[in-house]
């Protein structure tokens, strides 16, 4: 049973189903019927239908004669998302370097310090969670609702490919080091350096996770 939160039940169900799809718990090609979800989540059909409608709009599922078929995020999708990140995230980090407040800098530093701490202890699951926070803090500091909305969605949908990184210590350590370069550039309010460091970070991630395949 999904627990009550401040958000609507439909939003909670959407978040849960999205997570299951993005983590691969619901595999591409798998059919998730309303009847099945009612039994699994112990909720009524109405909020499930609302959540499924949103997932369909996001193209994470599609309507088929058999029911709601999971589409998920393919390697091609991931590659395309890296292309989007390589363009839009550069703009976001430059604006963040220009607009970030002292309070936001302290928060970004704290996130990085935690990443470094947990990376040293090989708690890579926590490092991955903090990766979300690091990038989302940059998006917020860009002062662009458009960039923040688009990039948060893209970053979230790449979860499966980022999750695979926790199995590879070298990439995790390299990613944390790349975050440090981004952080230092933002702290210096150097947009050029921040953009350059971010570009290296995204390019390395793309090469590592999807091998540059189109």
N, C-alpha and C. Protein backbone atom coordinates (compact mmCIF):
# COMPACT_ATOMS: atom_id res chain seq x y z
N UNK A 1 0.85 -1.20 0.00
CA UNK A 1 0.00 0.00 0.00
C UNK A 1 0.88 1.24 0.00
N UNK A 2 0.64 2.15 -0.95
CA UNK A 2 1.39 3.39 -0.99
C UNK A 2 0.95 4.28 0.16
N UNK A 3 1.91 4.82 0.88
CA UNK A 3 1.59 5.64 2.03
C UNK A 3 1.17 7.04 1.61
N UNK A 4 0.31 7.67 2.41
CA UNK A 4 -0.15 9.02 2.12
C UNK A 4 0.99 10.01 2.28
N UNK A 5 1.10 10.92 1.33
CA UNK A 5 2.04 12.02 1.41
C UNK A 5 1.30 13.29 1.07
N UNK A 6 2.02 14.42 1.06
CA UNK A 6 1.39 15.67 0.73
C UNK A 6 0.97 15.72 -0.73
N UNK A 7 1.68 15.01 -1.60
CA UNK A 7 1.32 14.98 -3.02
C UNK A 7 0.12 14.07 -3.22
N UNK A 8 -0.53 14.21 -4.38
CA UNK A 8 -1.71 13.40 -4.66
C UNK A 8 -1.33 11.94 -4.81
N UNK A 9 -2.32 11.07 -4.63
CA UNK A 9 -2.09 9.64 -4.75
C UNK A 9 -1.64 9.29 -6.17
N UNK A 10 -2.23 9.95 -7.16
CA UNK A 10 -1.85 9.70 -8.55
C UNK A 10 -0.38 10.03 -8.78
N UNK A 11 0.10 11.12 -8.18
CA UNK A 11 1.51 11.50 -8.31
C UNK A 11 2.42 10.49 -7.64
N UNK A 12 1.97 9.99 -6.48
CA UNK A 12 2.76 8.97 -5.79
C UNK A 12 2.87 7.70 -6.62
N UNK A 13 1.75 7.31 -7.23
CA UNK A 13 1.75 6.12 -8.07
C UNK A 13 2.62 6.34 -9.29
N UNK A 14 2.53 7.52 -9.88
CA UNK A 14 3.38 7.84 -11.03
C UNK A 14 4.85 7.71 -10.66
N UNK A 15 5.25 8.29 -9.54
CA UNK A 15 6.65 8.22 -9.11
C UNK A 15 7.10 6.78 -8.90
N UNK A 16 6.22 5.98 -8.30
CA UNK A 16 6.56 4.59 -8.03
C UNK A 16 6.70 3.79 -9.34
N UNK A 17 5.75 3.96 -10.25
CA UNK A 17 5.80 3.23 -11.52
C UNK A 17 6.97 3.69 -12.37
N UNK A 18 7.22 5.00 -12.38
CA UNK A 18 8.36 5.52 -13.13
C UNK A 18 9.65 4.90 -12.59
N UNK A 19 9.78 4.83 -11.27
CA UNK A 19 10.98 4.25 -10.67
C UNK A 19 11.14 2.79 -11.08
N UNK A 20 10.06 2.04 -11.07
CA UNK A 20 10.13 0.63 -11.43
C UNK A 20 10.52 0.46 -12.90
N UNK A 21 10.04 1.36 -13.74
CA UNK A 21 10.40 1.28 -15.16
C UNK A 21 11.85 1.68 -15.37
N UNK A 22 12.27 2.77 -14.75
CA UNK A 22 13.62 3.28 -14.99
C UNK A 22 14.70 2.39 -14.38
N UNK A 23 14.35 1.65 -13.33
CA UNK A 23 15.32 0.74 -12.72
C UNK A 23 15.32 -0.63 -13.39
N UNK A 24 14.35 -0.86 -14.29
CA UNK A 24 14.28 -2.13 -14.97
C UNK A 24 13.46 -3.18 -14.25
N UNK A 25 12.84 -2.81 -13.13
CA UNK A 25 11.98 -3.77 -12.43
C UNK A 25 10.83 -4.19 -13.34
N UNK A 26 10.30 -3.22 -14.09
CA UNK A 26 9.37 -3.52 -15.17
C UNK A 26 10.19 -3.43 -16.46
N UNK A 27 10.40 -4.55 -17.12
CA UNK A 27 11.29 -4.60 -18.28
C UNK A 27 10.59 -4.14 -19.55
N UNK A 28 11.34 -3.61 -20.51
CA UNK A 28 10.76 -3.25 -21.80
C UNK A 28 10.02 -4.44 -22.42
N UNK A 29 8.82 -4.18 -22.92
CA UNK A 29 8.01 -5.24 -23.50
C UNK A 29 7.04 -5.87 -22.52
N UNK A 30 7.26 -5.66 -21.23
CA UNK A 30 6.37 -6.22 -20.21
C UNK A 30 5.06 -5.44 -20.20
N UNK A 31 3.97 -6.15 -20.01
CA UNK A 31 2.64 -5.52 -19.95
C UNK A 31 2.24 -5.33 -18.51
N UNK A 32 1.88 -4.09 -18.16
CA UNK A 32 1.41 -3.79 -16.80
C UNK A 32 -0.05 -3.33 -16.89
N UNK A 33 -0.94 -4.23 -16.57
CA UNK A 33 -2.37 -3.95 -16.66
C UNK A 33 -2.86 -3.20 -15.43
N UNK A 34 -3.97 -2.53 -15.58
CA UNK A 34 -4.58 -1.84 -14.43
C UNK A 34 -4.91 -2.84 -13.33
N UNK A 35 -5.43 -4.01 -13.72
CA UNK A 35 -5.79 -5.03 -12.74
C UNK A 35 -4.57 -5.46 -11.94
N UNK A 36 -3.46 -5.66 -12.62
CA UNK A 36 -2.23 -6.06 -11.95
C UNK A 36 -1.77 -4.98 -10.98
N UNK A 37 -1.83 -3.72 -11.41
CA UNK A 37 -1.35 -2.64 -10.55
C UNK A 37 -2.26 -2.41 -9.35
N UNK A 38 -3.57 -2.62 -9.53
CA UNK A 38 -4.49 -2.53 -8.40
C UNK A 38 -4.10 -3.53 -7.32
N UNK A 39 -3.75 -4.74 -7.76
CA UNK A 39 -3.37 -5.78 -6.81
C UNK A 39 -2.01 -5.49 -6.17
N UNK A 40 -1.05 -5.02 -6.98
CA UNK A 40 0.30 -4.79 -6.47
C UNK A 40 0.36 -3.59 -5.52
N UNK A 41 -0.38 -2.52 -5.87
CA UNK A 41 -0.28 -1.28 -5.10
C UNK A 41 -1.40 -1.10 -4.09
N UNK A 42 -2.44 -1.94 -4.19
CA UNK A 42 -3.56 -1.88 -3.26
C UNK A 42 -4.24 -0.51 -3.27
N UNK A 43 -4.49 0.00 -4.47
CA UNK A 43 -5.19 1.27 -4.64
C UNK A 43 -6.26 1.09 -5.72
N UNK A 44 -7.11 2.10 -5.86
CA UNK A 44 -8.19 2.01 -6.84
C UNK A 44 -7.67 2.28 -8.26
N UNK A 45 -8.53 2.04 -9.24
CA UNK A 45 -8.13 2.19 -10.64
C UNK A 45 -7.95 3.66 -11.05
N UNK A 46 -8.70 4.58 -10.44
CA UNK A 46 -8.69 5.97 -10.90
C UNK A 46 -7.30 6.60 -10.84
N UNK A 47 -6.61 6.61 -9.69
CA UNK A 47 -5.26 7.20 -9.67
C UNK A 47 -4.26 6.43 -10.53
N UNK A 48 -4.48 5.11 -10.68
CA UNK A 48 -3.62 4.32 -11.54
C UNK A 48 -3.76 4.76 -12.98
N UNK A 49 -5.00 5.00 -13.41
CA UNK A 49 -5.23 5.46 -14.78
C UNK A 49 -4.57 6.81 -15.02
N UNK A 50 -4.66 7.69 -14.02
CA UNK A 50 -4.02 9.01 -14.16
C UNK A 50 -2.51 8.85 -14.30
N UNK A 51 -1.92 8.00 -13.48
CA UNK A 51 -0.48 7.78 -13.54
C UNK A 51 -0.07 7.15 -14.87
N UNK A 52 -0.84 6.18 -15.33
CA UNK A 52 -0.53 5.53 -16.61
C UNK A 52 -0.65 6.50 -17.77
N UNK A 53 -1.60 7.41 -17.68
CA UNK A 53 -1.75 8.43 -18.73
C UNK A 53 -0.51 9.30 -18.81
N UNK A 54 0.04 9.69 -17.67
CA UNK A 54 1.27 10.50 -17.64
C UNK A 54 2.45 9.71 -18.18
N UNK A 55 2.55 8.45 -17.80
CA UNK A 55 3.65 7.62 -18.28
C UNK A 55 3.57 7.44 -19.80
N UNK A 56 2.35 7.37 -20.31
CA UNK A 56 2.15 7.27 -21.75
C UNK A 56 2.60 8.55 -22.44
N UNK A 57 2.27 9.69 -21.85
CA UNK A 57 2.69 10.98 -22.40
C UNK A 57 4.21 11.10 -22.39
N UNK A 58 4.85 10.53 -21.37
CA UNK A 58 6.31 10.56 -21.27
C UNK A 58 6.95 9.50 -22.15
N UNK A 59 6.12 8.68 -22.78
CA UNK A 59 6.56 7.60 -23.67
C UNK A 59 7.41 6.55 -22.95
N UNK A 60 7.11 6.38 -21.68
CA UNK A 60 7.74 5.30 -20.93
C UNK A 60 6.93 4.02 -21.06
N UNK A 61 5.65 4.16 -21.44
CA UNK A 61 4.79 3.02 -21.78
C UNK A 61 4.05 3.37 -23.06
N UNK A 62 3.41 2.36 -23.66
CA UNK A 62 2.58 2.62 -24.85
C UNK A 62 1.37 1.71 -24.81
N UNK A 63 0.28 2.18 -25.43
CA UNK A 63 -0.94 1.38 -25.51
C UNK A 63 -0.79 0.30 -26.57
N UNK A 64 -1.14 -0.92 -26.21
CA UNK A 64 -1.14 -2.03 -27.16
C UNK A 64 -2.43 -2.82 -26.94
N UNK A 65 -2.80 -3.68 -27.88
CA UNK A 65 -4.00 -4.52 -27.68
C UNK A 65 -3.93 -5.35 -26.41
N UNK A 66 -2.70 -5.68 -25.99
CA UNK A 66 -2.54 -6.50 -24.78
C UNK A 66 -2.60 -5.67 -23.49
N UNK A 67 -2.46 -4.35 -23.63
CA UNK A 67 -2.46 -3.49 -22.45
C UNK A 67 -1.33 -2.47 -22.50
N UNK A 68 -0.96 -1.96 -21.34
CA UNK A 68 0.11 -0.96 -21.24
C UNK A 68 1.47 -1.64 -21.28
N UNK A 69 2.15 -1.48 -22.40
CA UNK A 69 3.44 -2.13 -22.59
C UNK A 69 4.58 -1.18 -22.21
N UNK A 70 5.51 -1.68 -21.41
CA UNK A 70 6.65 -0.87 -20.98
C UNK A 70 7.58 -0.60 -22.15
N UNK A 71 7.94 0.66 -22.33
CA UNK A 71 8.91 1.06 -23.35
C UNK A 71 10.27 1.27 -22.71
N UNK A 72 10.28 2.00 -21.58
CA UNK A 72 11.53 2.24 -20.86
C UNK A 72 12.45 3.19 -21.59
N UNK A 73 13.74 3.10 -21.30
CA UNK A 73 14.75 3.97 -21.90
C UNK A 73 15.81 3.08 -22.56
N UNK A 74 15.88 3.13 -23.88
CA UNK A 74 16.83 2.31 -24.62
C UNK A 74 18.21 2.96 -24.64
N UNK A 75 19.19 2.22 -25.17
CA UNK A 75 20.53 2.79 -25.32
C UNK A 75 20.51 3.98 -26.28
N UNK A 76 19.69 3.89 -27.33
CA UNK A 76 19.56 5.02 -28.25
C UNK A 76 18.98 6.23 -27.52
N UNK A 77 17.95 5.98 -26.69
CA UNK A 77 17.37 7.05 -25.89
C UNK A 77 18.42 7.69 -25.00
N UNK A 78 19.21 6.83 -24.35
CA UNK A 78 20.24 7.34 -23.44
C UNK A 78 21.27 8.17 -24.20
N UNK A 79 21.66 7.70 -25.36
CA UNK A 79 22.62 8.46 -26.16
C UNK A 79 22.04 9.83 -26.52
N UNK A 80 20.78 9.85 -26.95
CA UNK A 80 20.14 11.12 -27.31
C UNK A 80 20.05 12.05 -26.10
N UNK A 81 19.80 11.46 -24.92
CA UNK A 81 19.73 12.28 -23.71
C UNK A 81 21.09 12.87 -23.36
N UNK A 82 22.14 12.11 -23.59
CA UNK A 82 23.48 12.65 -23.37
C UNK A 82 23.74 13.83 -24.31
N UNK A 83 23.23 13.75 -25.54
CA UNK A 83 23.38 14.87 -26.48
C UNK A 83 22.67 16.10 -25.95
N UNK A 84 21.46 15.91 -25.43
CA UNK A 84 20.70 17.02 -24.85
C UNK A 84 21.45 17.62 -23.67
N UNK A 85 21.96 16.73 -22.78
CA UNK A 85 22.70 17.20 -21.62
C UNK A 85 23.94 17.98 -22.03
N UNK A 86 24.62 17.50 -23.07
CA UNK A 86 25.87 18.14 -23.46
C UNK A 86 25.65 19.57 -23.94
N UNK A 87 24.44 19.85 -24.42
CA UNK A 87 24.13 21.20 -24.90
C UNK A 87 23.50 22.06 -23.80
N UNK A 88 22.43 21.55 -23.20
CA UNK A 88 21.67 22.37 -22.26
C UNK A 88 22.34 22.49 -20.90
N UNK A 89 23.02 21.43 -20.44
CA UNK A 89 23.64 21.49 -19.13
C UNK A 89 24.82 22.46 -19.13
N UNK A 90 25.46 22.63 -20.28
CA UNK A 90 26.52 23.63 -20.38
C UNK A 90 25.98 25.03 -20.15
N UNK A 91 24.81 25.29 -20.72
CA UNK A 91 24.17 26.60 -20.51
C UNK A 91 23.81 26.77 -19.04
N UNK A 92 23.24 25.71 -18.45
CA UNK A 92 22.80 25.77 -17.05
C UNK A 92 23.97 26.02 -16.11
N UNK A 93 25.10 25.34 -16.32
CA UNK A 93 26.22 25.49 -15.40
C UNK A 93 26.87 26.87 -15.55
N UNK A 94 26.87 27.40 -16.76
CA UNK A 94 27.40 28.76 -16.95
C UNK A 94 26.53 29.77 -16.20
N UNK A 95 25.24 29.63 -16.31
CA UNK A 95 24.34 30.54 -15.61
C UNK A 95 24.44 30.36 -14.10
N UNK A 96 24.63 29.11 -13.68
CA UNK A 96 24.79 28.85 -12.25
C UNK A 96 26.03 29.55 -11.72
N UNK A 97 27.13 29.50 -12.48
CA UNK A 97 28.36 30.17 -12.06
C UNK A 97 28.16 31.66 -11.92
N UNK A 98 27.29 32.20 -12.73
CA UNK A 98 27.03 33.64 -12.70
C UNK A 98 26.03 34.04 -11.61
N UNK A 99 25.07 33.15 -11.31
CA UNK A 99 23.93 33.53 -10.47
C UNK A 99 23.89 32.90 -9.09
N UNK A 100 24.74 31.92 -8.83
CA UNK A 100 24.63 31.17 -7.58
C UNK A 100 24.88 32.06 -6.36
N UNK A 101 24.11 31.83 -5.31
CA UNK A 101 24.26 32.60 -4.08
C UNK A 101 25.25 31.91 -3.15
N UNK A 102 25.67 32.63 -2.13
CA UNK A 102 26.59 32.04 -1.15
C UNK A 102 25.95 30.84 -0.46
N UNK A 103 24.68 30.95 -0.16
CA UNK A 103 23.97 29.85 0.49
C UNK A 103 23.92 28.62 -0.41
N UNK A 104 23.66 28.85 -1.70
CA UNK A 104 23.62 27.74 -2.64
C UNK A 104 25.01 27.12 -2.84
N UNK A 105 26.03 27.95 -2.79
CA UNK A 105 27.40 27.44 -2.88
C UNK A 105 27.72 26.53 -1.70
N UNK A 106 27.29 26.94 -0.53
CA UNK A 106 27.51 26.12 0.66
C UNK A 106 26.81 24.77 0.52
N UNK A 107 25.60 24.81 -0.02
CA UNK A 107 24.84 23.57 -0.23
C UNK A 107 25.53 22.67 -1.25
N UNK A 108 26.02 23.26 -2.35
CA UNK A 108 26.71 22.48 -3.38
C UNK A 108 28.00 21.88 -2.82
N UNK A 109 28.72 22.64 -2.02
CA UNK A 109 29.94 22.15 -1.38
C UNK A 109 29.63 20.99 -0.44
N UNK A 110 28.55 21.11 0.30
CA UNK A 110 28.16 20.06 1.24
C UNK A 110 27.81 18.77 0.50
N UNK A 111 27.11 18.91 -0.62
CA UNK A 111 26.77 17.73 -1.42
C UNK A 111 28.03 17.05 -1.93
N UNK A 112 28.96 17.87 -2.44
CA UNK A 112 30.21 17.30 -2.94
C UNK A 112 31.00 16.61 -1.82
N UNK A 113 31.08 17.26 -0.66
CA UNK A 113 31.81 16.68 0.47
C UNK A 113 31.24 15.31 0.86
N UNK A 114 29.92 15.20 0.82
CA UNK A 114 29.28 13.93 1.12
C UNK A 114 29.61 12.89 0.05
N UNK A 115 29.61 13.31 -1.20
CA UNK A 115 29.97 12.39 -2.28
C UNK A 115 31.38 11.83 -2.07
N UNK A 116 32.29 12.72 -1.79
CA UNK A 116 33.68 12.31 -1.58
C UNK A 116 33.77 11.35 -0.40
N UNK A 117 33.06 11.66 0.68
CA UNK A 117 33.06 10.83 1.89
C UNK A 117 32.58 9.42 1.58
N UNK A 118 31.43 9.32 0.89
CA UNK A 118 30.85 8.00 0.62
C UNK A 118 31.59 7.26 -0.48
N UNK A 119 32.22 7.99 -1.40
CA UNK A 119 33.03 7.33 -2.43
C UNK A 119 34.24 6.65 -1.79
N UNK A 120 34.86 7.32 -0.82
CA UNK A 120 36.00 6.74 -0.14
C UNK A 120 35.62 5.48 0.62
N UNK A 121 34.36 5.43 1.04
CA UNK A 121 33.88 4.25 1.79
C UNK A 121 33.18 3.26 0.87
N UNK A 122 33.25 3.51 -0.43
CA UNK A 122 32.69 2.62 -1.45
C UNK A 122 31.19 2.40 -1.30
N UNK A 123 30.51 3.39 -0.75
CA UNK A 123 29.05 3.35 -0.68
C UNK A 123 28.53 4.05 -1.93
N UNK A 124 28.59 3.34 -3.03
CA UNK A 124 28.33 3.97 -4.32
C UNK A 124 26.84 4.25 -4.55
N UNK A 125 25.97 3.53 -3.88
CA UNK A 125 24.54 3.82 -4.00
C UNK A 125 24.25 5.22 -3.46
N UNK A 126 24.85 5.57 -2.34
CA UNK A 126 24.66 6.91 -1.77
C UNK A 126 25.31 7.96 -2.67
N UNK A 127 26.45 7.63 -3.26
CA UNK A 127 27.11 8.55 -4.18
C UNK A 127 26.18 8.86 -5.35
N UNK A 128 25.49 7.83 -5.85
CA UNK A 128 24.56 8.03 -6.96
C UNK A 128 23.41 8.93 -6.56
N UNK A 129 22.87 8.73 -5.36
CA UNK A 129 21.79 9.59 -4.88
C UNK A 129 22.26 11.04 -4.79
N UNK A 130 23.48 11.23 -4.32
CA UNK A 130 24.04 12.58 -4.19
C UNK A 130 24.35 13.20 -5.55
N UNK A 131 24.60 12.36 -6.55
CA UNK A 131 24.79 12.86 -7.91
C UNK A 131 23.54 13.59 -8.38
N UNK A 132 22.37 13.02 -8.07
CA UNK A 132 21.12 13.71 -8.40
C UNK A 132 21.08 15.08 -7.75
N UNK A 133 21.40 15.13 -6.46
CA UNK A 133 21.33 16.39 -5.72
C UNK A 133 22.32 17.41 -6.28
N UNK A 134 23.50 16.96 -6.66
CA UNK A 134 24.53 17.86 -7.19
C UNK A 134 24.06 18.53 -8.47
N UNK A 135 23.58 17.73 -9.39
CA UNK A 135 23.14 18.28 -10.67
C UNK A 135 21.88 19.13 -10.52
N UNK A 136 20.95 18.69 -9.69
CA UNK A 136 19.73 19.45 -9.50
C UNK A 136 20.01 20.80 -8.84
N UNK A 137 21.01 20.85 -7.96
CA UNK A 137 21.39 22.13 -7.34
C UNK A 137 21.93 23.09 -8.39
N UNK A 138 22.65 22.57 -9.37
CA UNK A 138 23.16 23.40 -10.46
C UNK A 138 22.01 23.91 -11.32
N UNK A 139 21.06 23.02 -11.63
CA UNK A 139 19.93 23.44 -12.45
C UNK A 139 19.15 24.56 -11.76
N UNK A 140 18.94 24.40 -10.45
CA UNK A 140 18.20 25.41 -9.71
C UNK A 140 18.94 26.74 -9.70
N UNK A 141 20.26 26.69 -9.52
CA UNK A 141 21.07 27.91 -9.46
C UNK A 141 21.16 28.62 -10.80
N UNK A 142 20.77 27.94 -11.88
CA UNK A 142 20.80 28.57 -13.21
C UNK A 142 19.75 29.66 -13.32
N UNK A 143 18.74 29.61 -12.45
CA UNK A 143 17.64 30.57 -12.45
C UNK A 143 16.80 30.47 -13.73
N UNK A 144 16.78 29.29 -14.31
CA UNK A 144 15.97 29.06 -15.51
C UNK A 144 15.02 27.90 -15.24
N UNK A 145 13.74 28.20 -15.14
CA UNK A 145 12.75 27.16 -14.91
C UNK A 145 12.74 26.18 -16.09
N UNK A 146 12.93 26.71 -17.30
CA UNK A 146 12.93 25.86 -18.49
C UNK A 146 14.07 24.85 -18.44
N UNK A 147 15.29 25.33 -18.19
CA UNK A 147 16.44 24.43 -18.12
C UNK A 147 16.28 23.44 -16.97
N UNK A 148 15.83 23.93 -15.83
CA UNK A 148 15.68 23.07 -14.66
C UNK A 148 14.68 21.94 -14.93
N UNK A 149 13.56 22.28 -15.54
CA UNK A 149 12.52 21.28 -15.81
C UNK A 149 13.00 20.24 -16.81
N UNK A 150 13.58 20.69 -17.91
CA UNK A 150 14.03 19.76 -18.95
C UNK A 150 15.15 18.86 -18.43
N UNK A 151 16.15 19.47 -17.80
CA UNK A 151 17.32 18.71 -17.38
C UNK A 151 17.03 17.75 -16.23
N UNK A 152 16.16 18.14 -15.31
CA UNK A 152 15.79 17.22 -14.24
C UNK A 152 15.12 15.98 -14.81
N UNK A 153 14.25 16.19 -15.82
CA UNK A 153 13.58 15.06 -16.45
C UNK A 153 14.55 14.15 -17.16
N UNK A 154 15.49 14.74 -17.91
CA UNK A 154 16.48 13.96 -18.64
C UNK A 154 17.38 13.19 -17.68
N UNK A 155 17.86 13.87 -16.65
CA UNK A 155 18.77 13.24 -15.69
C UNK A 155 18.07 12.07 -14.99
N UNK A 156 16.81 12.26 -14.65
CA UNK A 156 16.05 11.21 -13.97
C UNK A 156 15.86 9.99 -14.88
N UNK A 157 15.55 10.23 -16.15
CA UNK A 157 15.28 9.12 -17.06
C UNK A 157 16.53 8.31 -17.38
N UNK A 158 17.69 8.87 -17.15
CA UNK A 158 18.94 8.16 -17.40
C UNK A 158 19.35 7.33 -16.19
N UNK A 159 18.45 7.16 -15.25
CA UNK A 159 18.78 6.52 -13.97
C UNK A 159 19.43 5.15 -14.15
N UNK A 160 18.84 4.32 -15.03
CA UNK A 160 19.37 2.96 -15.19
C UNK A 160 20.82 2.97 -15.62
N UNK A 161 21.17 3.88 -16.53
CA UNK A 161 22.54 3.92 -17.03
C UNK A 161 23.48 4.51 -16.00
N UNK A 162 22.99 5.45 -15.20
CA UNK A 162 23.83 5.98 -14.13
C UNK A 162 23.96 4.96 -13.00
N UNK A 163 22.90 4.20 -12.77
CA UNK A 163 22.92 3.19 -11.72
C UNK A 163 23.97 2.12 -12.01
N UNK A 164 24.16 1.80 -13.30
CA UNK A 164 25.16 0.80 -13.65
C UNK A 164 26.57 1.22 -13.23
N UNK A 165 26.76 2.54 -13.07
CA UNK A 165 28.10 3.04 -12.74
C UNK A 165 28.56 2.62 -11.36
N UNK A 166 27.64 2.33 -10.45
CA UNK A 166 28.06 2.00 -9.09
C UNK A 166 28.77 0.65 -9.04
N UNK A 167 28.72 -0.10 -10.16
CA UNK A 167 29.44 -1.37 -10.21
C UNK A 167 30.89 -1.17 -10.64
N UNK A 168 31.24 0.07 -11.01
CA UNK A 168 32.58 0.34 -11.54
C UNK A 168 33.24 1.45 -10.73
N UNK A 169 34.13 1.05 -9.86
CA UNK A 169 34.77 1.97 -8.94
C UNK A 169 35.52 3.10 -9.67
N UNK A 170 36.19 2.78 -10.76
CA UNK A 170 36.98 3.78 -11.47
C UNK A 170 36.11 4.93 -11.98
N UNK A 171 34.94 4.58 -12.52
CA UNK A 171 34.07 5.63 -13.06
C UNK A 171 33.48 6.47 -11.94
N UNK A 172 33.13 5.85 -10.84
CA UNK A 172 32.59 6.62 -9.71
C UNK A 172 33.61 7.62 -9.20
N UNK A 173 34.84 7.16 -9.01
CA UNK A 173 35.90 8.05 -8.52
C UNK A 173 36.17 9.18 -9.51
N UNK A 174 36.17 8.85 -10.80
CA UNK A 174 36.40 9.86 -11.83
C UNK A 174 35.27 10.88 -11.83
N UNK A 175 34.04 10.40 -11.67
CA UNK A 175 32.88 11.29 -11.66
C UNK A 175 32.94 12.27 -10.50
N UNK A 176 33.33 11.79 -9.32
CA UNK A 176 33.45 12.66 -8.15
C UNK A 176 34.54 13.71 -8.39
N UNK A 177 35.65 13.30 -9.00
CA UNK A 177 36.73 14.24 -9.31
C UNK A 177 36.26 15.29 -10.31
N UNK A 178 35.45 14.87 -11.27
CA UNK A 178 34.90 15.81 -12.25
C UNK A 178 33.95 16.79 -11.59
N UNK A 179 33.19 16.31 -10.62
CA UNK A 179 32.31 17.21 -9.87
C UNK A 179 33.12 18.27 -9.13
N UNK A 180 34.28 17.87 -8.62
CA UNK A 180 35.12 18.84 -7.91
C UNK A 180 35.56 19.96 -8.85
N UNK A 181 35.94 19.62 -10.07
CA UNK A 181 36.35 20.63 -11.04
C UNK A 181 35.19 21.56 -11.37
N UNK A 182 34.00 21.01 -11.49
CA UNK A 182 32.82 21.84 -11.75
C UNK A 182 32.56 22.77 -10.57
N UNK A 183 32.63 22.20 -9.37
CA UNK A 183 32.39 22.99 -8.16
C UNK A 183 33.38 24.14 -8.04
N UNK A 184 34.65 23.88 -8.25
CA UNK A 184 35.67 24.92 -8.11
C UNK A 184 35.45 26.05 -9.12
N UNK A 185 35.03 25.69 -10.32
CA UNK A 185 34.76 26.71 -11.34
C UNK A 185 33.55 27.56 -10.95
N UNK A 186 32.53 26.92 -10.42
CA UNK A 186 31.34 27.66 -9.99
C UNK A 186 31.68 28.57 -8.81
N UNK A 187 32.48 28.06 -7.88
CA UNK A 187 32.89 28.87 -6.73
C UNK A 187 33.66 30.11 -7.18
N UNK A 188 34.40 29.98 -8.26
CA UNK A 188 35.16 31.11 -8.80
C UNK A 188 34.31 32.01 -9.69
N UNK A 189 33.04 31.61 -9.87
CA UNK A 189 32.12 32.33 -10.76
C UNK A 189 32.71 32.47 -12.16
N UNK A 190 33.38 31.41 -12.58
CA UNK A 190 34.03 31.37 -13.89
C UNK A 190 33.17 30.52 -14.83
N UNK A 191 32.34 31.19 -15.61
CA UNK A 191 31.43 30.49 -16.50
C UNK A 191 32.13 29.64 -17.53
N UNK A 192 33.22 30.16 -18.11
CA UNK A 192 33.98 29.41 -19.12
C UNK A 192 34.52 28.11 -18.54
N UNK A 193 35.14 28.21 -17.36
CA UNK A 193 35.72 27.02 -16.73
C UNK A 193 34.64 26.03 -16.30
N UNK A 194 33.53 26.55 -15.81
CA UNK A 194 32.43 25.68 -15.38
C UNK A 194 31.87 24.92 -16.58
N UNK A 195 31.70 25.62 -17.69
CA UNK A 195 31.16 24.98 -18.89
C UNK A 195 32.14 23.93 -19.41
N UNK A 196 33.42 24.24 -19.41
CA UNK A 196 34.43 23.30 -19.89
C UNK A 196 34.47 22.04 -19.01
N UNK A 197 34.41 22.23 -17.69
CA UNK A 197 34.46 21.10 -16.76
C UNK A 197 33.21 20.23 -16.90
N UNK A 198 32.07 20.87 -17.08
CA UNK A 198 30.82 20.14 -17.22
C UNK A 198 30.81 19.35 -18.52
N UNK A 199 31.35 19.96 -19.58
CA UNK A 199 31.39 19.28 -20.87
C UNK A 199 32.23 18.00 -20.78
N UNK A 200 33.36 18.07 -20.12
CA UNK A 200 34.21 16.89 -19.92
C UNK A 200 33.46 15.82 -19.15
N UNK A 201 32.74 16.23 -18.12
CA UNK A 201 31.98 15.30 -17.28
C UNK A 201 30.93 14.55 -18.10
N UNK A 202 30.17 15.28 -18.90
CA UNK A 202 29.11 14.65 -19.69
C UNK A 202 29.70 13.77 -20.79
N UNK A 203 30.74 14.24 -21.44
CA UNK A 203 31.38 13.45 -22.51
C UNK A 203 31.96 12.15 -21.96
N UNK A 204 32.60 12.22 -20.80
CA UNK A 204 33.16 11.01 -20.20
C UNK A 204 32.06 10.03 -19.82
N UNK A 205 30.98 10.56 -19.29
CA UNK A 205 29.86 9.70 -18.90
C UNK A 205 29.25 9.04 -20.13
N UNK A 206 29.10 9.81 -21.19
CA UNK A 206 28.52 9.27 -22.43
C UNK A 206 29.40 8.16 -22.99
N UNK A 207 30.69 8.39 -23.05
CA UNK A 207 31.61 7.40 -23.58
C UNK A 207 31.61 6.13 -22.74
N UNK A 208 31.49 6.31 -21.43
CA UNK A 208 31.56 5.16 -20.52
C UNK A 208 30.29 4.33 -20.55
N UNK A 209 29.14 4.98 -20.58
CA UNK A 209 27.88 4.26 -20.43
C UNK A 209 27.31 3.74 -21.74
N UNK A 210 27.41 4.52 -22.80
CA UNK A 210 26.82 4.07 -24.04
C UNK A 210 27.86 3.87 -25.14
N UNK A 211 29.11 4.08 -24.80
CA UNK A 211 30.18 3.79 -25.72
C UNK A 211 30.15 4.58 -27.00
N UNK A 212 29.43 5.73 -26.96
CA UNK A 212 29.33 6.55 -28.14
C UNK A 212 28.46 5.93 -29.22
N UNK A 213 27.73 4.85 -28.89
CA UNK A 213 26.89 4.21 -29.90
C UNK A 213 25.66 5.04 -30.20
N UNK A 214 25.27 5.05 -31.46
CA UNK A 214 24.08 5.78 -31.89
C UNK A 214 23.00 4.78 -32.25
